[in-house]
N, C-alpha and C. Protein backbone atom coordinates (compact mmCIF):
# COMPACT_ATOMS: atom_id res chain seq x y z
N GLN A 1 0.81 -1.21 0.00
CA GLN A 1 0.00 0.00 0.00
C GLN A 1 0.85 1.27 0.00
N LEU A 2 2.06 1.17 0.48
CA LEU A 2 2.93 2.35 0.49
C LEU A 2 3.47 2.66 -0.90
N GLY A 3 3.59 1.68 -1.73
CA GLY A 3 4.25 1.88 -3.01
C GLY A 3 5.75 1.65 -2.84
N ARG A 4 6.43 1.38 -3.94
CA ARG A 4 7.84 0.98 -3.87
C ARG A 4 8.73 2.03 -3.23
N ASP A 5 8.60 3.30 -3.63
CA ASP A 5 9.50 4.34 -3.12
C ASP A 5 9.32 4.57 -1.62
N LEU A 6 8.08 4.70 -1.17
CA LEU A 6 7.85 4.93 0.26
C LEU A 6 8.23 3.69 1.08
N TRP A 7 8.01 2.50 0.50
CA TRP A 7 8.39 1.29 1.23
C TRP A 7 9.92 1.25 1.42
N GLU A 8 10.68 1.60 0.41
CA GLU A 8 12.13 1.62 0.53
C GLU A 8 12.57 2.66 1.57
N ARG A 9 11.91 3.81 1.56
CA ARG A 9 12.23 4.83 2.57
C ARG A 9 11.90 4.31 3.96
N TYR A 10 10.75 3.67 4.11
CA TYR A 10 10.35 3.10 5.40
C TYR A 10 11.40 2.11 5.89
N ARG A 11 11.87 1.23 5.00
CA ARG A 11 12.88 0.24 5.36
C ARG A 11 14.16 0.91 5.85
N LYS A 12 14.54 2.01 5.22
CA LYS A 12 15.74 2.74 5.65
C LYS A 12 15.51 3.40 7.01
N LEU A 13 14.29 3.88 7.25
CA LEU A 13 13.99 4.56 8.50
C LEU A 13 13.97 3.61 9.70
N VAL A 14 13.36 2.44 9.53
CA VAL A 14 13.18 1.55 10.68
C VAL A 14 14.10 0.34 10.65
N GLY A 15 14.80 0.12 9.56
CA GLY A 15 15.67 -1.04 9.43
C GLY A 15 14.93 -2.21 8.82
N ARG A 16 15.70 -3.09 8.21
CA ARG A 16 15.09 -4.21 7.46
C ARG A 16 14.28 -5.15 8.36
N ALA A 17 14.79 -5.44 9.56
CA ALA A 17 14.09 -6.38 10.44
C ALA A 17 12.74 -5.80 10.88
N ASN A 18 12.73 -4.55 11.32
CA ASN A 18 11.47 -3.92 11.73
C ASN A 18 10.50 -3.82 10.55
N ALA A 19 11.03 -3.47 9.38
CA ALA A 19 10.17 -3.38 8.19
C ALA A 19 9.57 -4.74 7.87
N ALA A 20 10.38 -5.79 7.96
CA ALA A 20 9.87 -7.13 7.67
C ALA A 20 8.76 -7.52 8.65
N ASN A 21 8.90 -7.09 9.91
CA ASN A 21 7.87 -7.41 10.91
C ASN A 21 6.56 -6.70 10.66
N THR A 22 6.60 -5.58 9.95
CA THR A 22 5.37 -4.82 9.71
C THR A 22 4.85 -4.95 8.27
N GLU A 23 5.62 -5.59 7.42
CA GLU A 23 5.33 -5.59 5.97
C GLU A 23 3.91 -6.02 5.62
N ASN A 24 3.42 -7.06 6.21
CA ASN A 24 2.08 -7.54 5.86
C ASN A 24 1.04 -7.24 6.93
N GLY A 25 1.40 -6.36 7.84
CA GLY A 25 0.49 -6.02 8.93
C GLY A 25 -0.27 -4.74 8.63
N PRO A 26 -1.11 -4.33 9.56
CA PRO A 26 -1.89 -3.10 9.38
C PRO A 26 -1.04 -1.84 9.54
N ALA A 27 -1.50 -0.77 8.95
CA ALA A 27 -0.78 0.51 8.99
C ALA A 27 -0.46 0.99 10.40
N PRO A 28 -1.37 0.87 11.38
CA PRO A 28 -1.04 1.35 12.72
C PRO A 28 0.24 0.72 13.30
N GLY A 29 0.46 -0.55 13.04
CA GLY A 29 1.67 -1.21 13.54
C GLY A 29 2.92 -0.59 12.94
N ALA A 30 2.86 -0.25 11.65
CA ALA A 30 4.02 0.36 10.98
C ALA A 30 4.27 1.77 11.52
N VAL A 31 3.20 2.53 11.77
CA VAL A 31 3.35 3.89 12.31
C VAL A 31 3.95 3.81 13.71
N ILE A 32 3.43 2.94 14.54
CA ILE A 32 3.90 2.82 15.92
C ILE A 32 5.35 2.34 15.96
N THR A 33 5.72 1.45 15.05
CA THR A 33 7.11 1.01 14.96
C THR A 33 8.02 2.21 14.73
N MET A 34 7.62 3.09 13.82
CA MET A 34 8.42 4.29 13.56
C MET A 34 8.48 5.19 14.78
N MET A 35 7.35 5.39 15.43
CA MET A 35 7.28 6.29 16.58
C MET A 35 8.13 5.78 17.75
N ALA A 36 8.24 4.46 17.88
CA ALA A 36 8.90 3.87 19.04
C ALA A 36 10.35 3.46 18.77
N MET A 37 10.88 3.81 17.62
CA MET A 37 12.23 3.38 17.24
C MET A 37 13.28 3.68 18.31
N TYR A 38 13.20 4.83 18.92
CA TYR A 38 14.25 5.23 19.85
C TYR A 38 13.78 5.27 21.30
N GLU A 39 12.69 4.59 21.58
CA GLU A 39 12.27 4.43 22.97
C GLU A 39 13.03 3.26 23.56
N ASN A 40 13.42 3.39 24.81
CA ASN A 40 14.12 2.31 25.49
C ASN A 40 13.09 1.28 25.94
N LYS A 41 13.04 0.17 25.25
CA LYS A 41 12.05 -0.87 25.54
C LYS A 41 12.26 -1.51 26.90
N PHE A 42 13.47 -1.35 27.46
CA PHE A 42 13.77 -1.97 28.75
C PHE A 42 13.54 -1.02 29.92
N ALA A 43 13.11 0.21 29.63
CA ALA A 43 12.83 1.18 30.69
C ALA A 43 11.46 1.80 30.46
N ALA A 44 10.50 0.98 30.07
CA ALA A 44 9.15 1.46 29.82
C ALA A 44 8.42 1.58 31.15
N LEU A 45 8.10 2.79 31.54
CA LEU A 45 7.48 3.03 32.84
C LEU A 45 6.15 2.28 32.97
N ASP A 46 5.36 2.25 31.90
CA ASP A 46 4.07 1.56 31.99
C ASP A 46 4.27 0.07 32.29
N THR A 47 5.28 -0.55 31.71
CA THR A 47 5.56 -1.96 31.97
C THR A 47 6.03 -2.16 33.40
N GLU A 48 6.90 -1.26 33.88
CA GLU A 48 7.38 -1.35 35.26
C GLU A 48 6.21 -1.24 36.25
N ILE A 49 5.34 -0.28 36.01
CA ILE A 49 4.17 -0.09 36.89
C ILE A 49 3.30 -1.34 36.87
N GLU A 50 3.06 -1.86 35.67
CA GLU A 50 2.22 -3.05 35.54
C GLU A 50 2.80 -4.23 36.32
N GLN A 51 4.11 -4.42 36.27
CA GLN A 51 4.75 -5.52 36.99
C GLN A 51 4.62 -5.36 38.50
N VAL A 52 4.83 -4.14 38.99
CA VAL A 52 4.69 -3.88 40.44
C VAL A 52 3.27 -4.15 40.89
N VAL A 53 2.32 -3.66 40.12
CA VAL A 53 0.90 -3.81 40.47
C VAL A 53 0.48 -5.28 40.48
N LEU A 54 0.90 -6.02 39.46
CA LEU A 54 0.56 -7.45 39.40
C LEU A 54 1.16 -8.22 40.56
N LYS A 55 2.42 -7.93 40.84
CA LYS A 55 3.11 -8.63 41.93
C LYS A 55 2.44 -8.34 43.28
N ALA A 56 2.03 -7.08 43.48
CA ALA A 56 1.40 -6.69 44.74
C ALA A 56 -0.10 -6.99 44.77
N LYS A 57 -0.63 -7.50 43.66
CA LYS A 57 -2.06 -7.83 43.55
C LYS A 57 -2.95 -6.62 43.85
N ILE A 58 -2.54 -5.46 43.32
CA ILE A 58 -3.30 -4.22 43.48
C ILE A 58 -4.33 -4.16 42.36
N PRO A 59 -5.60 -3.91 42.69
CA PRO A 59 -6.62 -3.83 41.63
C PRO A 59 -6.36 -2.62 40.72
N THR A 60 -6.62 -2.82 39.45
CA THR A 60 -6.41 -1.75 38.46
C THR A 60 -7.65 -1.57 37.60
N GLN A 61 -7.70 -0.44 36.95
CA GLN A 61 -8.74 -0.17 35.97
C GLN A 61 -8.22 0.86 35.00
N GLY A 62 -8.78 0.90 33.82
CA GLY A 62 -8.36 1.86 32.82
C GLY A 62 -9.32 3.03 32.75
N LEU A 63 -8.84 4.14 32.23
CA LEU A 63 -9.71 5.29 31.99
C LEU A 63 -10.50 5.09 30.69
N GLU A 64 -10.02 4.16 29.87
CA GLU A 64 -10.68 3.84 28.60
C GLU A 64 -10.60 2.33 28.40
N SER A 65 -11.46 1.83 27.56
CA SER A 65 -11.40 0.40 27.26
C SER A 65 -10.34 0.14 26.20
N SER A 66 -9.85 -1.09 26.16
CA SER A 66 -8.89 -1.49 25.13
C SER A 66 -9.51 -1.34 23.75
N LYS A 67 -10.79 -1.66 23.63
CA LYS A 67 -11.48 -1.55 22.35
C LYS A 67 -11.51 -0.10 21.87
N PHE A 68 -11.79 0.83 22.78
CA PHE A 68 -11.79 2.25 22.42
C PHE A 68 -10.43 2.65 21.88
N GLN A 69 -9.37 2.29 22.60
CA GLN A 69 -8.03 2.66 22.19
C GLN A 69 -7.65 2.03 20.85
N ARG A 70 -7.96 0.76 20.69
CA ARG A 70 -7.65 0.07 19.44
C ARG A 70 -8.39 0.71 18.26
N ASP A 71 -9.68 0.99 18.45
CA ASP A 71 -10.46 1.62 17.38
C ASP A 71 -9.91 2.99 17.02
N LEU A 72 -9.50 3.75 18.02
CA LEU A 72 -8.94 5.09 17.78
C LEU A 72 -7.63 4.99 17.00
N ILE A 73 -6.78 4.07 17.39
CA ILE A 73 -5.51 3.88 16.68
C ILE A 73 -5.76 3.49 15.23
N TYR A 74 -6.68 2.58 15.00
CA TYR A 74 -6.97 2.15 13.63
C TYR A 74 -7.61 3.26 12.81
N GLU A 75 -8.37 4.11 13.46
CA GLU A 75 -8.99 5.23 12.74
C GLU A 75 -7.95 6.28 12.34
N LEU A 76 -7.06 6.64 13.25
CA LEU A 76 -6.16 7.77 13.02
C LEU A 76 -4.82 7.39 12.41
N LEU A 77 -4.29 6.23 12.76
CA LEU A 77 -2.99 5.82 12.24
C LEU A 77 -3.17 4.91 11.03
N ASP A 78 -3.91 5.40 10.07
CA ASP A 78 -4.24 4.62 8.88
C ASP A 78 -3.15 4.74 7.82
N ILE A 79 -3.39 4.19 6.64
CA ILE A 79 -2.40 4.19 5.58
C ILE A 79 -2.05 5.62 5.14
N ARG A 80 -3.03 6.50 5.17
CA ARG A 80 -2.76 7.89 4.81
C ARG A 80 -1.76 8.52 5.78
N MET A 81 -1.94 8.25 7.07
CA MET A 81 -1.01 8.76 8.09
C MET A 81 0.37 8.15 7.91
N LEU A 82 0.42 6.84 7.65
CA LEU A 82 1.70 6.17 7.44
C LEU A 82 2.44 6.80 6.26
N LYS A 83 1.75 7.02 5.17
CA LYS A 83 2.38 7.65 4.01
C LYS A 83 2.90 9.04 4.36
N ALA A 84 2.13 9.78 5.13
CA ALA A 84 2.52 11.15 5.50
C ALA A 84 3.79 11.14 6.35
N VAL A 85 3.85 10.28 7.36
CA VAL A 85 5.02 10.30 8.24
C VAL A 85 6.26 9.74 7.55
N VAL A 86 6.08 8.75 6.70
CA VAL A 86 7.23 8.21 5.97
C VAL A 86 7.75 9.26 4.99
N ALA A 87 6.86 9.87 4.22
CA ALA A 87 7.27 10.88 3.24
C ALA A 87 7.88 12.09 3.93
N GLY A 88 7.42 12.43 5.12
CA GLY A 88 7.88 13.62 5.81
C GLY A 88 9.07 13.43 6.72
N THR A 89 9.60 12.22 6.78
CA THR A 89 10.77 11.95 7.62
C THR A 89 11.95 11.66 6.70
N PRO A 90 12.88 12.61 6.60
CA PRO A 90 13.94 12.47 5.61
C PRO A 90 14.93 11.33 5.86
N ASP A 91 15.19 11.04 7.15
CA ASP A 91 16.19 10.01 7.44
C ASP A 91 16.06 9.55 8.89
N ARG A 92 16.79 8.51 9.21
CA ARG A 92 16.73 7.94 10.55
C ARG A 92 17.26 8.91 11.60
N ALA A 93 18.24 9.74 11.24
CA ALA A 93 18.78 10.72 12.18
C ALA A 93 17.70 11.69 12.64
N THR A 94 16.81 12.08 11.72
CA THR A 94 15.69 12.96 12.08
C THR A 94 14.77 12.26 13.05
N LEU A 95 14.48 11.00 12.81
CA LEU A 95 13.63 10.20 13.70
C LEU A 95 14.23 10.17 15.10
N GLU A 96 15.54 9.94 15.17
CA GLU A 96 16.23 9.89 16.46
C GLU A 96 16.22 11.25 17.15
N THR A 97 16.54 12.31 16.41
CA THR A 97 16.59 13.66 16.97
C THR A 97 15.23 14.06 17.54
N GLU A 98 14.17 13.81 16.79
CA GLU A 98 12.82 14.18 17.24
C GLU A 98 12.41 13.38 18.48
N SER A 99 12.76 12.10 18.53
CA SER A 99 12.43 11.28 19.70
C SER A 99 13.10 11.81 20.95
N PHE A 100 14.39 12.12 20.85
CA PHE A 100 15.11 12.61 22.02
C PHE A 100 14.67 14.01 22.41
N LYS A 101 14.31 14.83 21.43
CA LYS A 101 13.79 16.17 21.73
C LYS A 101 12.49 16.07 22.53
N ASP A 102 11.60 15.19 22.10
CA ASP A 102 10.33 15.00 22.82
C ASP A 102 10.57 14.50 24.25
N LEU A 103 11.49 13.55 24.41
CA LEU A 103 11.79 13.02 25.74
C LEU A 103 12.39 14.11 26.64
N LYS A 104 13.30 14.90 26.07
CA LYS A 104 13.93 15.99 26.83
C LYS A 104 12.89 17.00 27.31
N GLU A 105 11.97 17.40 26.41
CA GLU A 105 10.92 18.35 26.79
C GLU A 105 10.04 17.78 27.89
N TYR A 106 9.73 16.50 27.80
CA TYR A 106 8.92 15.88 28.84
C TYR A 106 9.64 15.90 30.18
N CYS A 107 10.90 15.47 30.20
CA CYS A 107 11.66 15.41 31.46
C CYS A 107 11.87 16.78 32.08
N GLU A 108 12.05 17.80 31.23
CA GLU A 108 12.24 19.16 31.73
C GLU A 108 10.93 19.83 32.11
N GLY A 109 9.83 19.28 31.65
CA GLY A 109 8.54 19.93 31.86
C GLY A 109 8.39 21.17 30.99
N SER A 110 9.10 21.21 29.87
CA SER A 110 9.08 22.40 29.01
C SER A 110 8.10 22.29 27.85
N SER A 111 7.46 21.16 27.69
CA SER A 111 6.46 21.01 26.63
C SER A 111 5.16 21.64 27.13
N ASN A 112 4.63 22.59 26.39
CA ASN A 112 3.42 23.25 26.87
C ASN A 112 2.26 23.18 25.88
N SER A 113 2.41 22.37 24.85
CA SER A 113 1.30 22.23 23.92
C SER A 113 1.12 20.78 23.54
N PRO A 114 0.18 20.12 24.20
CA PRO A 114 -0.06 18.72 23.87
C PRO A 114 -0.57 18.60 22.43
N GLY A 115 -0.45 17.43 21.90
CA GLY A 115 -0.84 17.23 20.51
C GLY A 115 0.38 17.42 19.62
N MET A 116 0.12 17.61 18.37
CA MET A 116 1.22 17.69 17.40
C MET A 116 1.95 19.02 17.48
N ASP A 117 3.28 18.94 17.38
CA ASP A 117 4.06 20.17 17.31
C ASP A 117 4.02 20.69 15.87
N GLU A 118 4.62 21.84 15.65
CA GLU A 118 4.54 22.46 14.32
C GLU A 118 5.22 21.61 13.25
N ARG A 119 6.29 20.91 13.60
CA ARG A 119 6.95 20.05 12.62
C ARG A 119 5.99 18.96 12.15
N ALA A 120 5.31 18.31 13.08
CA ALA A 120 4.37 17.23 12.72
C ALA A 120 3.20 17.78 11.92
N ARG A 121 2.71 18.97 12.31
CA ARG A 121 1.60 19.57 11.56
C ARG A 121 2.02 19.89 10.12
N LYS A 122 3.25 20.40 9.95
CA LYS A 122 3.74 20.69 8.60
C LYS A 122 3.87 19.41 7.79
N GLN A 123 4.36 18.37 8.44
CA GLN A 123 4.50 17.07 7.78
C GLN A 123 3.15 16.60 7.22
N LEU A 124 2.10 16.75 8.01
CA LEU A 124 0.77 16.33 7.56
C LEU A 124 0.22 17.27 6.49
N ARG A 125 0.45 18.57 6.66
CA ARG A 125 0.01 19.53 5.63
C ARG A 125 0.66 19.20 4.29
N ASP A 126 1.95 18.93 4.32
CA ASP A 126 2.68 18.60 3.09
C ASP A 126 2.12 17.34 2.43
N ALA A 127 1.52 16.46 3.22
CA ALA A 127 0.93 15.23 2.70
C ALA A 127 -0.54 15.40 2.31
N GLY A 128 -1.05 16.63 2.41
CA GLY A 128 -2.42 16.88 1.95
C GLY A 128 -3.48 16.99 3.03
N TYR A 129 -3.10 16.88 4.29
CA TYR A 129 -4.07 17.06 5.37
C TYR A 129 -4.39 18.56 5.48
N SER A 130 -5.64 18.87 5.76
CA SER A 130 -6.02 20.26 6.01
C SER A 130 -5.85 20.57 7.49
N ASP A 131 -5.79 21.87 7.83
CA ASP A 131 -5.68 22.24 9.25
C ASP A 131 -6.87 21.71 10.07
N PRO A 132 -8.11 21.77 9.55
CA PRO A 132 -9.21 21.18 10.33
C PRO A 132 -9.05 19.67 10.54
N GLU A 133 -8.50 18.97 9.57
CA GLU A 133 -8.27 17.53 9.75
C GLU A 133 -7.21 17.29 10.83
N ILE A 134 -6.17 18.09 10.82
CA ILE A 134 -5.10 17.96 11.83
C ILE A 134 -5.66 18.30 13.22
N ASP A 135 -6.45 19.36 13.30
CA ASP A 135 -7.07 19.72 14.58
C ASP A 135 -7.97 18.59 15.08
N ARG A 136 -8.67 17.94 14.16
CA ARG A 136 -9.57 16.84 14.53
C ARG A 136 -8.76 15.67 15.11
N ILE A 137 -7.58 15.40 14.53
CA ILE A 137 -6.73 14.34 15.05
C ILE A 137 -6.30 14.67 16.48
N ASP A 138 -5.83 15.91 16.70
CA ASP A 138 -5.45 16.31 18.06
C ASP A 138 -6.63 16.23 19.02
N GLU A 139 -7.80 16.63 18.55
CA GLU A 139 -9.00 16.59 19.39
C GLU A 139 -9.32 15.16 19.80
N LYS A 140 -9.30 14.25 18.83
CA LYS A 140 -9.66 12.85 19.11
C LYS A 140 -8.58 12.14 19.91
N LEU A 141 -7.33 12.42 19.61
CA LEU A 141 -6.23 11.69 20.23
C LEU A 141 -5.85 12.23 21.60
N VAL A 142 -6.02 13.56 21.80
CA VAL A 142 -5.54 14.16 23.05
C VAL A 142 -6.64 14.92 23.79
N HIS A 143 -7.08 16.04 23.24
CA HIS A 143 -7.94 16.97 23.99
C HIS A 143 -9.28 16.38 24.42
N GLY A 144 -9.96 15.70 23.52
CA GLY A 144 -11.25 15.11 23.87
C GLY A 144 -11.12 14.05 24.95
N ARG A 145 -10.06 13.27 24.85
CA ARG A 145 -9.82 12.22 25.85
C ARG A 145 -9.51 12.86 27.20
N ASN A 146 -8.70 13.93 27.20
CA ASN A 146 -8.40 14.62 28.47
C ASN A 146 -9.68 15.05 29.16
N ALA A 147 -10.54 15.71 28.42
CA ALA A 147 -11.80 16.20 29.00
C ALA A 147 -12.66 15.04 29.52
N ASP A 148 -12.67 13.95 28.78
CA ASP A 148 -13.46 12.77 29.18
C ASP A 148 -12.93 12.16 30.47
N TRP A 149 -11.63 12.27 30.69
CA TRP A 149 -11.03 11.65 31.88
C TRP A 149 -11.29 12.41 33.17
N ILE A 150 -11.56 13.70 33.10
CA ILE A 150 -11.63 14.51 34.34
C ILE A 150 -12.65 13.96 35.33
N PRO A 151 -13.92 13.74 34.95
CA PRO A 151 -14.84 13.18 35.96
C PRO A 151 -14.42 11.79 36.44
N LYS A 152 -13.81 11.01 35.58
CA LYS A 152 -13.34 9.67 35.98
C LYS A 152 -12.20 9.80 36.99
N LEU A 153 -11.30 10.75 36.75
CA LEU A 153 -10.19 10.97 37.68
C LEU A 153 -10.70 11.46 39.03
N GLU A 154 -11.64 12.38 38.99
CA GLU A 154 -12.18 12.90 40.26
C GLU A 154 -12.85 11.79 41.06
N ALA A 155 -13.52 10.89 40.40
CA ALA A 155 -14.15 9.76 41.10
C ALA A 155 -13.07 8.86 41.71
N LEU A 156 -12.00 8.63 40.98
CA LEU A 156 -10.90 7.82 41.51
C LEU A 156 -10.23 8.50 42.70
N PHE A 157 -10.02 9.82 42.59
CA PHE A 157 -9.33 10.56 43.64
C PHE A 157 -10.16 10.66 44.92
N ALA A 158 -11.42 10.29 44.86
CA ALA A 158 -12.26 10.32 46.07
C ALA A 158 -11.80 9.26 47.08
N ALA A 159 -11.10 8.24 46.58
CA ALA A 159 -10.58 7.19 47.48
C ALA A 159 -9.13 7.52 47.82
N PRO A 160 -8.68 7.13 49.01
CA PRO A 160 -7.29 7.41 49.38
C PRO A 160 -6.32 6.46 48.66
N GLY A 161 -5.08 6.93 48.50
CA GLY A 161 -4.02 6.08 48.00
C GLY A 161 -4.11 5.68 46.54
N VAL A 162 -4.74 6.50 45.72
CA VAL A 162 -4.90 6.16 44.31
C VAL A 162 -3.71 6.67 43.51
N PHE A 163 -3.24 5.86 42.60
CA PHE A 163 -2.17 6.24 41.69
C PHE A 163 -2.72 6.16 40.27
N VAL A 164 -2.50 7.21 39.48
CA VAL A 164 -2.98 7.24 38.11
C VAL A 164 -1.81 7.54 37.19
N ALA A 165 -1.71 6.82 36.10
CA ALA A 165 -0.66 7.06 35.10
C ALA A 165 -1.32 7.30 33.75
N VAL A 166 -0.93 8.40 33.11
CA VAL A 166 -1.38 8.69 31.74
C VAL A 166 -0.15 9.09 30.92
N GLY A 167 -0.27 9.06 29.62
CA GLY A 167 0.83 9.45 28.75
C GLY A 167 1.19 10.92 28.95
N ALA A 168 2.47 11.21 28.84
CA ALA A 168 2.98 12.57 29.08
C ALA A 168 2.31 13.60 28.20
N GLY A 169 1.94 13.24 26.98
CA GLY A 169 1.31 14.19 26.06
C GLY A 169 -0.06 14.66 26.51
N HIS A 170 -0.61 14.05 27.53
CA HIS A 170 -1.93 14.44 28.04
C HIS A 170 -1.85 15.44 29.19
N LEU A 171 -0.66 15.73 29.66
CA LEU A 171 -0.55 16.52 30.88
C LEU A 171 -0.49 18.03 30.67
N ASP A 172 0.31 18.48 29.73
CA ASP A 172 0.61 19.91 29.61
C ASP A 172 -0.38 20.67 28.73
N GLY A 173 -0.26 21.98 28.77
CA GLY A 173 -1.06 22.85 27.92
C GLY A 173 -2.38 23.25 28.55
N ALA A 174 -3.02 24.23 27.94
CA ALA A 174 -4.28 24.77 28.48
C ALA A 174 -5.39 23.73 28.52
N ARG A 175 -5.32 22.73 27.65
CA ARG A 175 -6.36 21.69 27.62
C ARG A 175 -5.82 20.35 28.11
N GLY A 176 -4.67 20.41 28.81
CA GLY A 176 -4.09 19.20 29.38
C GLY A 176 -4.75 18.85 30.70
N VAL A 177 -4.52 17.63 31.14
CA VAL A 177 -5.14 17.12 32.37
C VAL A 177 -4.80 17.99 33.57
N ILE A 178 -3.58 18.48 33.66
CA ILE A 178 -3.18 19.30 34.82
C ILE A 178 -4.03 20.56 34.90
N LYS A 179 -4.12 21.32 33.82
CA LYS A 179 -4.91 22.57 33.82
C LYS A 179 -6.39 22.27 34.05
N LEU A 180 -6.89 21.20 33.44
CA LEU A 180 -8.31 20.87 33.61
C LEU A 180 -8.63 20.53 35.07
N LEU A 181 -7.72 19.81 35.72
CA LEU A 181 -7.93 19.50 37.15
C LEU A 181 -7.78 20.75 38.01
N GLN A 182 -6.78 21.59 37.70
CA GLN A 182 -6.59 22.83 38.46
C GLN A 182 -7.82 23.72 38.35
N ALA A 183 -8.42 23.77 37.18
CA ALA A 183 -9.63 24.59 36.98
C ALA A 183 -10.78 24.11 37.86
N ARG A 184 -10.72 22.87 38.30
CA ARG A 184 -11.76 22.31 39.16
C ARG A 184 -11.32 22.31 40.63
N GLY A 185 -10.20 23.02 40.92
CA GLY A 185 -9.79 23.19 42.31
C GLY A 185 -8.74 22.22 42.82
N TRP A 186 -8.23 21.36 41.99
CA TRP A 186 -7.22 20.42 42.45
C TRP A 186 -5.86 21.09 42.51
N LYS A 187 -5.09 20.77 43.55
CA LYS A 187 -3.73 21.28 43.69
C LYS A 187 -2.78 20.27 43.03
N ILE A 188 -1.96 20.75 42.11
CA ILE A 188 -1.05 19.88 41.36
C ILE A 188 0.38 20.29 41.68
N GLU A 189 1.23 19.31 41.94
CA GLU A 189 2.63 19.58 42.21
C GLU A 189 3.48 18.71 41.30
N ARG A 190 4.38 19.33 40.56
CA ARG A 190 5.29 18.59 39.68
C ARG A 190 6.48 18.11 40.50
N ILE A 191 6.81 16.84 40.37
CA ILE A 191 7.98 16.29 41.02
C ILE A 191 8.96 15.96 39.90
N PRO A 192 10.02 16.78 39.76
CA PRO A 192 10.95 16.59 38.63
C PRO A 192 11.71 15.28 38.77
N PRO A 193 12.10 14.69 37.62
CA PRO A 193 12.90 13.45 37.69
C PRO A 193 14.28 13.74 38.27
N ASN A 194 14.86 12.73 38.84
CA ASN A 194 16.20 12.88 39.43
C ASN A 194 17.25 12.98 38.35
């Protein structure tokens, strides 16, 4: 579905082994492979939390169902999106640089606009997405979900000793979870990483 030229570019971006693993799979898997290229798979906080919780037999629940998340991924990370990100990523060095930049902003707490940054928005515009389409992606992937979580979070916080983990991209900005909770009177304190 990518066509010969984009497929060759994809193989150069993610490497032959990763490309082979996604070759006959759905587009979301190929997009996620690209996005996660430079994430440390052995230091995944969500996996560490899951292991601690399972070992301690602590009850858990999600803010969303697995089906909701899967459907959203399949809707937004489709073949059109895959073509856009492959065409808009010139080389593996760019993929690496952008990954580390995002991680650095998260660790410093300097990211203040959840959703796509201007580079990602330009990448999609260059691939034919309109600004309203890009805004819709941010709304569905980030902002709408943040708003939906607030009453669920408040219900959870009514009990003592609750721990909640969400993706870093949901926290910052005027429509991020932190500001939405603060607007409802919650006191938020950032604890910087060591």
